[in-house]
Amino acid sequence: MLWSNKKLTQPVTFTEDAADQTLLEAIEQELVLTKYQTFSNLCKQALWQFLSISDPSPQSAPRNIDGLEGQMYQLQQQLTELEKNVLAEESNRFNQLQQQLIQLTQQLSQLQNVVASRPISSHSPIQVPSEPAHRAEETSTSIEHSDPVLARLSALVDDF
């Protein structure tokens, strides 16, 4: 055993080395920022963690870290699953767009074939139906019969 005289206190000596001085500054900062009220408590906690001896109260910090790591792992899994889903959706949309493009290309080709197969006809004058002319004659005769003055004038015009 290391302690033959079974002392309850052990001294810790810090040298003038840069590493020891850095460690001393870190210890002082830790004592100011955390719940450890004394250097002795800080050393005991560090020894507990370093030697992996189970103590119910000091293990709360590592459990919190384990919990955070577990949550990070779960979030990474969810993110991976989400990326897979998004990739699958984009792939599906891309395939649908390709199918629509192929279908439109086929329809365009068919339309071009139909247009190309029709004979080119010369432009013929547009024929006006004869009904409107016939109706115009009917209206003029009805006007002539209704007005006797116009009827006489039209007879004189016809004589010339």
N, C-alpha and C. Protein backbone atom coordinates (compact mmCIF):
# COMPACT_ATOMS: atom_id res chain seq x y z
N MET A 1 0.84 -1.17 0.00
CA MET A 1 0.00 0.00 0.00
C MET A 1 0.88 1.24 0.00
N LEU A 2 0.36 2.30 -0.62
CA LEU A 2 1.14 3.52 -0.78
C LEU A 2 1.37 4.24 0.55
N TRP A 3 0.38 4.28 1.37
CA TRP A 3 0.50 5.01 2.64
C TRP A 3 0.69 4.01 3.78
N SER A 4 1.85 3.96 4.26
CA SER A 4 2.11 3.03 5.36
C SER A 4 1.70 3.62 6.70
N ASN A 5 1.73 4.92 6.83
CA ASN A 5 1.36 5.53 8.11
C ASN A 5 -0.11 5.94 8.15
N LYS A 6 -0.86 5.68 7.10
CA LYS A 6 -2.31 5.92 7.02
C LYS A 6 -2.68 7.37 7.34
N LYS A 7 -2.00 8.28 6.67
CA LYS A 7 -2.35 9.69 6.81
C LYS A 7 -3.66 9.94 6.08
N LEU A 8 -4.41 10.85 6.58
CA LEU A 8 -5.66 11.21 5.93
C LEU A 8 -5.47 12.38 4.98
N THR A 9 -4.42 13.10 5.10
CA THR A 9 -4.16 14.21 4.18
C THR A 9 -2.86 13.94 3.43
N GLN A 10 -2.85 14.36 2.18
CA GLN A 10 -1.67 14.20 1.34
C GLN A 10 -1.39 15.56 0.69
N PRO A 11 -0.17 15.98 0.68
CA PRO A 11 0.16 17.26 0.04
C PRO A 11 0.30 17.09 -1.48
N VAL A 12 -0.03 18.16 -2.19
CA VAL A 12 0.17 18.20 -3.64
C VAL A 12 1.11 19.37 -3.90
N THR A 13 2.17 19.10 -4.64
CA THR A 13 3.17 20.12 -4.89
C THR A 13 3.15 20.49 -6.37
N PHE A 14 3.11 21.79 -6.63
CA PHE A 14 3.16 22.30 -8.00
C PHE A 14 4.51 22.95 -8.19
N THR A 15 5.19 22.59 -9.25
CA THR A 15 6.50 23.15 -9.54
C THR A 15 6.35 24.40 -10.40
N GLU A 16 7.48 24.97 -10.77
CA GLU A 16 7.49 26.16 -11.60
C GLU A 16 7.35 25.84 -13.08
N ASP A 17 7.21 24.57 -13.44
CA ASP A 17 7.03 24.17 -14.84
C ASP A 17 5.78 24.83 -15.41
N ALA A 18 5.82 25.07 -16.70
CA ALA A 18 4.67 25.68 -17.37
C ALA A 18 3.45 24.78 -17.27
N ALA A 19 3.64 23.48 -17.38
CA ALA A 19 2.52 22.54 -17.31
C ALA A 19 1.88 22.57 -15.93
N ASP A 20 2.71 22.57 -14.87
CA ASP A 20 2.16 22.62 -13.51
C ASP A 20 1.46 23.96 -13.26
N GLN A 21 2.03 25.03 -13.75
CA GLN A 21 1.42 26.35 -13.55
C GLN A 21 0.08 26.45 -14.30
N THR A 22 0.03 25.88 -15.49
CA THR A 22 -1.22 25.86 -16.26
C THR A 22 -2.27 25.05 -15.53
N LEU A 23 -1.85 23.91 -14.97
CA LEU A 23 -2.77 23.07 -14.20
C LEU A 23 -3.26 23.81 -12.96
N LEU A 24 -2.39 24.51 -12.29
CA LEU A 24 -2.77 25.27 -11.10
C LEU A 24 -3.78 26.36 -11.45
N GLU A 25 -3.56 27.06 -12.56
CA GLU A 25 -4.51 28.09 -12.99
C GLU A 25 -5.87 27.47 -13.33
N ALA A 26 -5.85 26.32 -13.98
CA ALA A 26 -7.10 25.64 -14.33
C ALA A 26 -7.84 25.20 -13.07
N ILE A 27 -7.09 24.75 -12.06
CA ILE A 27 -7.71 24.34 -10.79
C ILE A 27 -8.36 25.54 -10.12
N GLU A 28 -7.65 26.65 -10.06
CA GLU A 28 -8.20 27.86 -9.45
C GLU A 28 -9.46 28.32 -10.17
N GLN A 29 -9.43 28.26 -11.48
CA GLN A 29 -10.60 28.66 -12.26
C GLN A 29 -11.77 27.71 -12.01
N GLU A 30 -11.50 26.43 -11.92
CA GLU A 30 -12.54 25.43 -11.68
C GLU A 30 -13.15 25.62 -10.30
N LEU A 31 -12.34 25.95 -9.32
CA LEU A 31 -12.85 26.18 -7.97
C LEU A 31 -13.78 27.39 -7.93
N VAL A 32 -13.49 28.39 -8.74
CA VAL A 32 -14.32 29.59 -8.78
C VAL A 32 -15.65 29.30 -9.48
N LEU A 33 -15.60 28.51 -10.55
CA LEU A 33 -16.77 28.32 -11.40
C LEU A 33 -17.69 27.18 -10.98
N THR A 34 -17.22 26.22 -10.21
CA THR A 34 -18.04 25.03 -9.94
C THR A 34 -18.43 24.92 -8.47
N LYS A 35 -19.08 23.81 -8.18
CA LYS A 35 -19.61 23.56 -6.83
C LYS A 35 -18.54 23.10 -5.85
N TYR A 36 -17.34 22.81 -6.34
CA TYR A 36 -16.28 22.33 -5.45
C TYR A 36 -15.81 23.51 -4.60
N GLN A 37 -15.97 23.37 -3.31
CA GLN A 37 -15.64 24.49 -2.43
C GLN A 37 -14.18 24.49 -2.01
N THR A 38 -13.57 23.32 -2.07
CA THR A 38 -12.17 23.24 -1.65
C THR A 38 -11.37 22.47 -2.68
N PHE A 39 -10.06 22.65 -2.59
CA PHE A 39 -9.15 21.93 -3.46
C PHE A 39 -9.23 20.43 -3.17
N SER A 40 -9.45 20.10 -1.93
CA SER A 40 -9.55 18.70 -1.52
C SER A 40 -10.74 18.02 -2.21
N ASN A 41 -11.88 18.70 -2.21
CA ASN A 41 -13.07 18.13 -2.87
C ASN A 41 -12.84 17.95 -4.37
N LEU A 42 -12.19 18.92 -4.98
CA LEU A 42 -11.89 18.82 -6.41
C LEU A 42 -10.97 17.64 -6.70
N CYS A 43 -9.95 17.47 -5.88
CA CYS A 43 -9.02 16.35 -6.07
C CYS A 43 -9.73 15.02 -5.88
N LYS A 44 -10.57 14.93 -4.88
CA LYS A 44 -11.30 13.68 -4.64
C LYS A 44 -12.19 13.35 -5.84
N GLN A 45 -12.89 14.35 -6.35
CA GLN A 45 -13.76 14.12 -7.50
C GLN A 45 -12.95 13.68 -8.71
N ALA A 46 -11.84 14.33 -8.94
CA ALA A 46 -10.98 13.96 -10.08
C ALA A 46 -10.45 12.55 -9.92
N LEU A 47 -10.07 12.20 -8.70
CA LEU A 47 -9.58 10.83 -8.46
C LEU A 47 -10.69 9.80 -8.65
N TRP A 48 -11.88 10.11 -8.20
CA TRP A 48 -13.01 9.20 -8.39
C TRP A 48 -13.22 8.94 -9.88
N GLN A 49 -13.22 10.00 -10.65
CA GLN A 49 -13.45 9.84 -12.09
C GLN A 49 -12.28 9.15 -12.77
N PHE A 50 -11.08 9.50 -12.36
CA PHE A 50 -9.90 8.92 -13.00
C PHE A 50 -9.78 7.43 -12.70
N LEU A 51 -10.09 7.06 -11.48
CA LEU A 51 -9.98 5.66 -11.08
C LEU A 51 -11.25 4.86 -11.37
N SER A 52 -12.27 5.51 -11.86
CA SER A 52 -13.55 4.88 -12.22
C SER A 52 -14.17 4.13 -11.05
N ILE A 53 -14.11 4.71 -9.89
CA ILE A 53 -14.75 4.12 -8.72
C ILE A 53 -16.16 4.69 -8.67
N SER A 54 -17.13 3.81 -8.49
CA SER A 54 -18.52 4.27 -8.53
C SER A 54 -18.88 5.01 -7.25
N ASP A 55 -19.44 6.16 -7.43
CA ASP A 55 -19.96 6.97 -6.33
C ASP A 55 -21.26 7.57 -6.84
N PRO A 56 -22.34 7.43 -6.10
CA PRO A 56 -23.63 7.86 -6.64
C PRO A 56 -23.71 9.34 -6.99
N SER A 57 -23.21 10.23 -6.17
CA SER A 57 -23.36 11.65 -6.46
C SER A 57 -22.43 12.16 -7.56
N PRO A 58 -21.16 11.79 -7.58
CA PRO A 58 -20.30 12.33 -8.63
C PRO A 58 -20.62 11.81 -10.02
N GLN A 59 -21.32 10.71 -10.15
CA GLN A 59 -21.60 10.14 -11.46
C GLN A 59 -22.68 10.90 -12.21
N SER A 60 -23.30 11.89 -11.59
CA SER A 60 -24.36 12.62 -12.28
C SER A 60 -23.83 13.37 -13.50
N ALA A 61 -22.66 13.91 -13.42
CA ALA A 61 -22.10 14.64 -14.56
C ALA A 61 -21.83 13.73 -15.75
N PRO A 62 -21.14 12.58 -15.56
CA PRO A 62 -20.93 11.71 -16.71
C PRO A 62 -22.24 11.16 -17.27
N ARG A 63 -23.21 10.91 -16.42
CA ARG A 63 -24.50 10.43 -16.94
C ARG A 63 -25.15 11.50 -17.81
N ASN A 64 -25.01 12.74 -17.39
CA ASN A 64 -25.54 13.81 -18.22
C ASN A 64 -24.84 13.84 -19.57
N ILE A 65 -23.54 13.63 -19.54
CA ILE A 65 -22.79 13.60 -20.80
C ILE A 65 -23.24 12.43 -21.64
N ASP A 66 -23.42 11.27 -21.00
CA ASP A 66 -23.90 10.10 -21.74
C ASP A 66 -25.29 10.37 -22.32
N GLY A 67 -26.12 11.05 -21.54
CA GLY A 67 -27.45 11.39 -22.03
C GLY A 67 -27.38 12.30 -23.24
N LEU A 68 -26.49 13.27 -23.17
CA LEU A 68 -26.32 14.19 -24.30
C LEU A 68 -25.79 13.45 -25.52
N GLU A 69 -24.84 12.55 -25.29
CA GLU A 69 -24.31 11.78 -26.41
C GLU A 69 -25.41 10.91 -27.02
N GLY A 70 -26.25 10.34 -26.17
CA GLY A 70 -27.36 9.53 -26.67
C GLY A 70 -28.34 10.37 -27.48
N GLN A 71 -28.63 11.56 -26.98
CA GLN A 71 -29.52 12.45 -27.71
C GLN A 71 -28.91 12.87 -29.04
N MET A 72 -27.60 13.13 -29.02
CA MET A 72 -26.92 13.49 -30.27
C MET A 72 -26.99 12.34 -31.26
N TYR A 73 -26.80 11.13 -30.77
CA TYR A 73 -26.87 9.96 -31.65
C TYR A 73 -28.28 9.81 -32.24
N GLN A 74 -29.29 10.00 -31.38
CA GLN A 74 -30.68 9.92 -31.87
C GLN A 74 -30.95 11.00 -32.91
N LEU A 75 -30.47 12.21 -32.65
CA LEU A 75 -30.66 13.29 -33.62
C LEU A 75 -29.95 12.99 -34.93
N GLN A 76 -28.76 12.40 -34.84
CA GLN A 76 -28.05 12.03 -36.06
C GLN A 76 -28.82 10.97 -36.83
N GLN A 77 -29.41 10.02 -36.12
CA GLN A 77 -30.20 8.98 -36.78
C GLN A 77 -31.43 9.59 -37.45
N GLN A 78 -32.09 10.50 -36.74
CA GLN A 78 -33.27 11.16 -37.32
C GLN A 78 -32.88 11.98 -38.54
N LEU A 79 -31.75 12.66 -38.46
CA LEU A 79 -31.28 13.46 -39.58
C LEU A 79 -30.96 12.57 -40.78
N THR A 80 -30.33 11.44 -40.52
CA THR A 80 -30.02 10.50 -41.60
C THR A 80 -31.30 9.98 -42.23
N GLU A 81 -32.28 9.65 -41.41
CA GLU A 81 -33.56 9.15 -41.93
C GLU A 81 -34.26 10.24 -42.75
N LEU A 82 -34.22 11.47 -42.26
CA LEU A 82 -34.83 12.58 -42.98
C LEU A 82 -34.14 12.80 -44.32
N GLU A 83 -32.82 12.72 -44.34
CA GLU A 83 -32.08 12.87 -45.60
C GLU A 83 -32.47 11.78 -46.59
N LYS A 84 -32.63 10.55 -46.09
CA LYS A 84 -33.04 9.45 -46.97
C LYS A 84 -34.43 9.71 -47.55
N ASN A 85 -35.35 10.17 -46.70
CA ASN A 85 -36.71 10.44 -47.17
C ASN A 85 -36.73 11.55 -48.21
N VAL A 86 -35.99 12.62 -47.95
CA VAL A 86 -35.95 13.74 -48.90
C VAL A 86 -35.33 13.29 -50.21
N LEU A 87 -34.27 12.50 -50.13
CA LEU A 87 -33.63 11.99 -51.34
C LEU A 87 -34.58 11.10 -52.13
N ALA A 88 -35.34 10.26 -51.42
CA ALA A 88 -36.29 9.39 -52.11
C ALA A 88 -37.40 10.21 -52.78
N GLU A 89 -37.89 11.24 -52.09
CA GLU A 89 -38.93 12.09 -52.67
C GLU A 89 -38.41 12.82 -53.91
N GLU A 90 -37.20 13.36 -53.81
CA GLU A 90 -36.62 14.07 -54.95
C GLU A 90 -36.40 13.12 -56.12
N SER A 91 -35.97 11.92 -55.83
CA SER A 91 -35.76 10.93 -56.88
C SER A 91 -37.09 10.58 -57.54
N ASN A 92 -38.13 10.43 -56.74
CA ASN A 92 -39.46 10.11 -57.27
C ASN A 92 -39.97 11.25 -58.14
N ARG A 93 -39.82 12.48 -57.69
CA ARG A 93 -40.25 13.64 -58.48
C ARG A 93 -39.47 13.72 -59.79
N PHE A 94 -38.18 13.46 -59.72
CA PHE A 94 -37.34 13.50 -60.91
C PHE A 94 -37.81 12.46 -61.92
N ASN A 95 -38.11 11.26 -61.43
CA ASN A 95 -38.59 10.20 -62.33
C ASN A 95 -39.93 10.57 -62.96
N GLN A 96 -40.81 11.18 -62.17
CA GLN A 96 -42.10 11.61 -62.71
C GLN A 96 -41.90 12.67 -63.79
N LEU A 97 -41.02 13.62 -63.54
CA LEU A 97 -40.75 14.66 -64.54
C LEU A 97 -40.15 14.06 -65.81
N GLN A 98 -39.28 13.07 -65.66
CA GLN A 98 -38.72 12.42 -66.83
C GLN A 98 -39.81 11.72 -67.63
N GLN A 99 -40.73 11.04 -66.95
CA GLN A 99 -41.83 10.36 -67.64
C GLN A 99 -42.71 11.37 -68.38
N GLN A 100 -43.00 12.49 -67.74
CA GLN A 100 -43.81 13.51 -68.38
C GLN A 100 -43.09 14.10 -69.58
N LEU A 101 -41.80 14.30 -69.48
CA LEU A 101 -41.02 14.82 -70.59
C LEU A 101 -41.03 13.84 -71.76
N ILE A 102 -40.88 12.56 -71.48
CA ILE A 102 -40.93 11.54 -72.53
C ILE A 102 -42.30 11.54 -73.19
N GLN A 103 -43.35 11.62 -72.38
CA GLN A 103 -44.71 11.62 -72.91
C GLN A 103 -44.95 12.85 -73.79
N LEU A 104 -44.51 14.01 -73.34
CA LEU A 104 -44.69 15.23 -74.14
C LEU A 104 -43.88 15.17 -75.43
N THR A 105 -42.70 14.59 -75.37
CA THR A 105 -41.88 14.43 -76.58
C THR A 105 -42.58 13.53 -77.58
N GLN A 106 -43.18 12.45 -77.09
CA GLN A 106 -43.91 11.55 -77.98
C GLN A 106 -45.12 12.25 -78.60
N GLN A 107 -45.85 13.00 -77.80
CA GLN A 107 -47.01 13.71 -78.31
C GLN A 107 -46.59 14.75 -79.35
N LEU A 108 -45.50 15.44 -79.10
CA LEU A 108 -45.00 16.43 -80.05
C LEU A 108 -44.60 15.75 -81.36
N SER A 109 -43.97 14.61 -81.27
CA SER A 109 -43.57 13.86 -82.47
C SER A 109 -44.80 13.44 -83.27
N GLN A 110 -45.82 12.95 -82.57
CA GLN A 110 -47.06 12.56 -83.25
C GLN A 110 -47.71 13.76 -83.92
N LEU A 111 -47.73 14.89 -83.25
CA LEU A 111 -48.32 16.09 -83.81
C LEU A 111 -47.54 16.54 -85.05
N GLN A 112 -46.23 16.46 -85.01
CA GLN A 112 -45.41 16.82 -86.17
C GLN A 112 -45.70 15.89 -87.34
N ASN A 113 -45.88 14.61 -87.06
CA ASN A 113 -46.20 13.65 -88.13
C ASN A 113 -47.56 13.96 -88.75
N VAL A 114 -48.54 14.31 -87.93
CA VAL A 114 -49.87 14.64 -88.44
C VAL A 114 -49.80 15.88 -89.31
N VAL A 115 -49.08 16.90 -88.85
CA VAL A 115 -48.96 18.13 -89.62
C VAL A 115 -48.21 17.88 -90.92
N ALA A 116 -47.18 17.07 -90.88
CA ALA A 116 -46.39 16.79 -92.07
C ALA A 116 -47.15 15.94 -93.08
N SER A 117 -48.05 15.09 -92.63
CA SER A 117 -48.77 14.20 -93.54
C SER A 117 -49.94 14.90 -94.24
N ARG A 118 -50.41 15.99 -93.73
CA ARG A 118 -51.51 16.71 -94.38
C ARG A 118 -50.99 17.41 -95.62
N PRO A 119 -51.75 17.34 -96.73
CA PRO A 119 -51.31 18.05 -97.94
C PRO A 119 -51.48 19.55 -97.75
N ILE A 120 -50.57 20.27 -98.35
CA ILE A 120 -50.64 21.73 -98.26
C ILE A 120 -51.67 22.18 -99.28
N SER A 121 -52.72 22.80 -98.82
CA SER A 121 -53.77 23.26 -99.73
C SER A 121 -53.56 24.73 -100.02
N SER A 122 -53.92 25.12 -101.28
CA SER A 122 -53.79 26.53 -101.63
C SER A 122 -54.89 27.29 -100.92
N HIS A 123 -54.58 28.48 -100.65
CA HIS A 123 -55.57 29.29 -99.94
C HIS A 123 -56.69 29.65 -100.89
N SER A 124 -57.85 29.17 -100.61
CA SER A 124 -59.01 29.52 -101.43
C SER A 124 -59.74 30.65 -100.74
N PRO A 125 -60.37 31.49 -101.53
CA PRO A 125 -61.09 32.60 -100.91
C PRO A 125 -62.21 32.06 -100.04
N ILE A 126 -62.44 32.77 -99.02
CA ILE A 126 -63.48 32.37 -98.09
C ILE A 126 -64.82 32.63 -98.73
N GLN A 127 -65.63 31.61 -98.74
CA GLN A 127 -66.95 31.74 -99.35
C GLN A 127 -67.93 32.20 -98.29
N VAL A 128 -68.62 33.24 -98.66
CA VAL A 128 -69.62 33.78 -97.75
C VAL A 128 -70.92 33.07 -98.05
N PRO A 129 -71.58 32.62 -97.05
CA PRO A 129 -72.86 31.93 -97.29
C PRO A 129 -73.84 32.86 -97.99
N SER A 130 -74.70 32.29 -98.79
CA SER A 130 -75.66 33.07 -99.57
C SER A 130 -76.84 33.54 -98.75
N GLU A 131 -77.03 33.04 -97.61
CA GLU A 131 -78.17 33.42 -96.78
C GLU A 131 -78.17 34.89 -96.44
N PRO A 132 -77.05 35.49 -96.02
CA PRO A 132 -77.12 36.90 -95.68
C PRO A 132 -77.53 37.77 -96.86
N ALA A 133 -77.12 37.45 -98.07
CA ALA A 133 -77.53 38.24 -99.23
C ALA A 133 -79.02 38.10 -99.47
N HIS A 134 -79.51 36.90 -99.34
CA HIS A 134 -80.94 36.65 -99.53
C HIS A 134 -81.75 37.41 -98.50
N ARG A 135 -81.27 37.46 -97.28
CA ARG A 135 -81.98 38.18 -96.22
C ARG A 135 -81.97 39.68 -96.50
N ALA A 136 -80.88 40.16 -97.05
CA ALA A 136 -80.82 41.59 -97.36
C ALA A 136 -81.86 41.95 -98.41
N GLU A 137 -82.07 41.07 -99.38
CA GLU A 137 -83.09 41.32 -100.40
C GLU A 137 -84.47 41.32 -99.78
N GLU A 138 -84.70 40.41 -98.83
CA GLU A 138 -86.01 40.34 -98.19
C GLU A 138 -86.29 41.61 -97.40
N THR A 139 -85.29 42.11 -96.71
CA THR A 139 -85.51 43.33 -95.93
C THR A 139 -85.75 44.52 -96.84
N SER A 140 -85.06 44.58 -97.99
CA SER A 140 -85.27 45.72 -98.88
C SER A 140 -86.66 45.67 -99.51
N THR A 141 -87.15 44.49 -99.84
CA THR A 141 -88.50 44.40 -100.42
C THR A 141 -89.55 44.70 -99.39
N SER A 142 -89.30 44.33 -98.15
CA SER A 142 -90.29 44.63 -97.12
C SER A 142 -90.33 46.12 -96.84
N ILE A 143 -89.16 46.79 -96.96
CA ILE A 143 -89.14 48.23 -96.78
C ILE A 143 -89.87 48.90 -97.93
N GLU A 144 -89.68 48.38 -99.14
CA GLU A 144 -90.33 48.98 -100.31
C GLU A 144 -91.85 48.87 -100.21
N HIS A 145 -92.32 47.76 -99.75
CA HIS A 145 -93.77 47.59 -99.66
C HIS A 145 -94.37 48.43 -98.55
N SER A 146 -93.62 48.73 -97.57
CA SER A 146 -94.17 49.49 -96.47
C SER A 146 -94.20 50.99 -96.77
N ASP A 147 -93.30 51.49 -97.63
CA ASP A 147 -93.25 52.90 -97.93
C ASP A 147 -93.59 53.11 -99.42
N PRO A 148 -94.73 53.73 -99.76
CA PRO A 148 -95.11 53.89 -101.16
C PRO A 148 -94.22 54.88 -101.90
N VAL A 149 -93.64 55.85 -101.22
CA VAL A 149 -92.77 56.83 -101.87
C VAL A 149 -91.51 56.13 -102.34
N LEU A 150 -90.98 55.31 -101.53
CA LEU A 150 -89.78 54.57 -101.91
C LEU A 150 -90.09 53.60 -103.04
N ALA A 151 -91.25 53.08 -103.03
CA ALA A 151 -91.63 52.15 -104.10
C ALA A 151 -91.67 52.88 -105.44
N ARG A 152 -92.18 54.09 -105.47
CA ARG A 152 -92.24 54.84 -106.72
C ARG A 152 -90.84 55.25 -107.15
N LEU A 153 -90.01 55.68 -106.19
CA LEU A 153 -88.65 56.09 -106.53
C LEU A 153 -87.85 54.91 -107.03
N SER A 154 -88.03 53.77 -106.46
CA SER A 154 -87.29 52.60 -106.92
C SER A 154 -87.74 52.22 -108.32
N ALA A 155 -89.00 52.43 -108.63
CA ALA A 155 -89.47 52.14 -109.99
C ALA A 155 -88.83 53.10 -110.98
N LEU A 156 -88.69 54.37 -110.62
CA LEU A 156 -88.05 55.33 -111.50
C LEU A 156 -86.56 55.01 -111.68
N VAL A 157 -85.91 54.59 -110.62
CA VAL A 157 -84.49 54.24 -110.70
C VAL A 157 -84.33 53.01 -111.58
N ASP A 158 -85.24 52.10 -111.49
CA ASP A 158 -85.17 50.89 -112.32
C ASP A 158 -85.33 51.24 -113.80
N ASP A 159 -86.13 52.27 -114.12
CA ASP A 159 -86.33 52.66 -115.51
C ASP A 159 -85.06 53.25 -116.11
N PHE A 160 -84.29 53.93 -115.34
CA PHE A 160 -83.05 54.51 -115.86
C PHE A 160 -82.08 53.43 -116.09
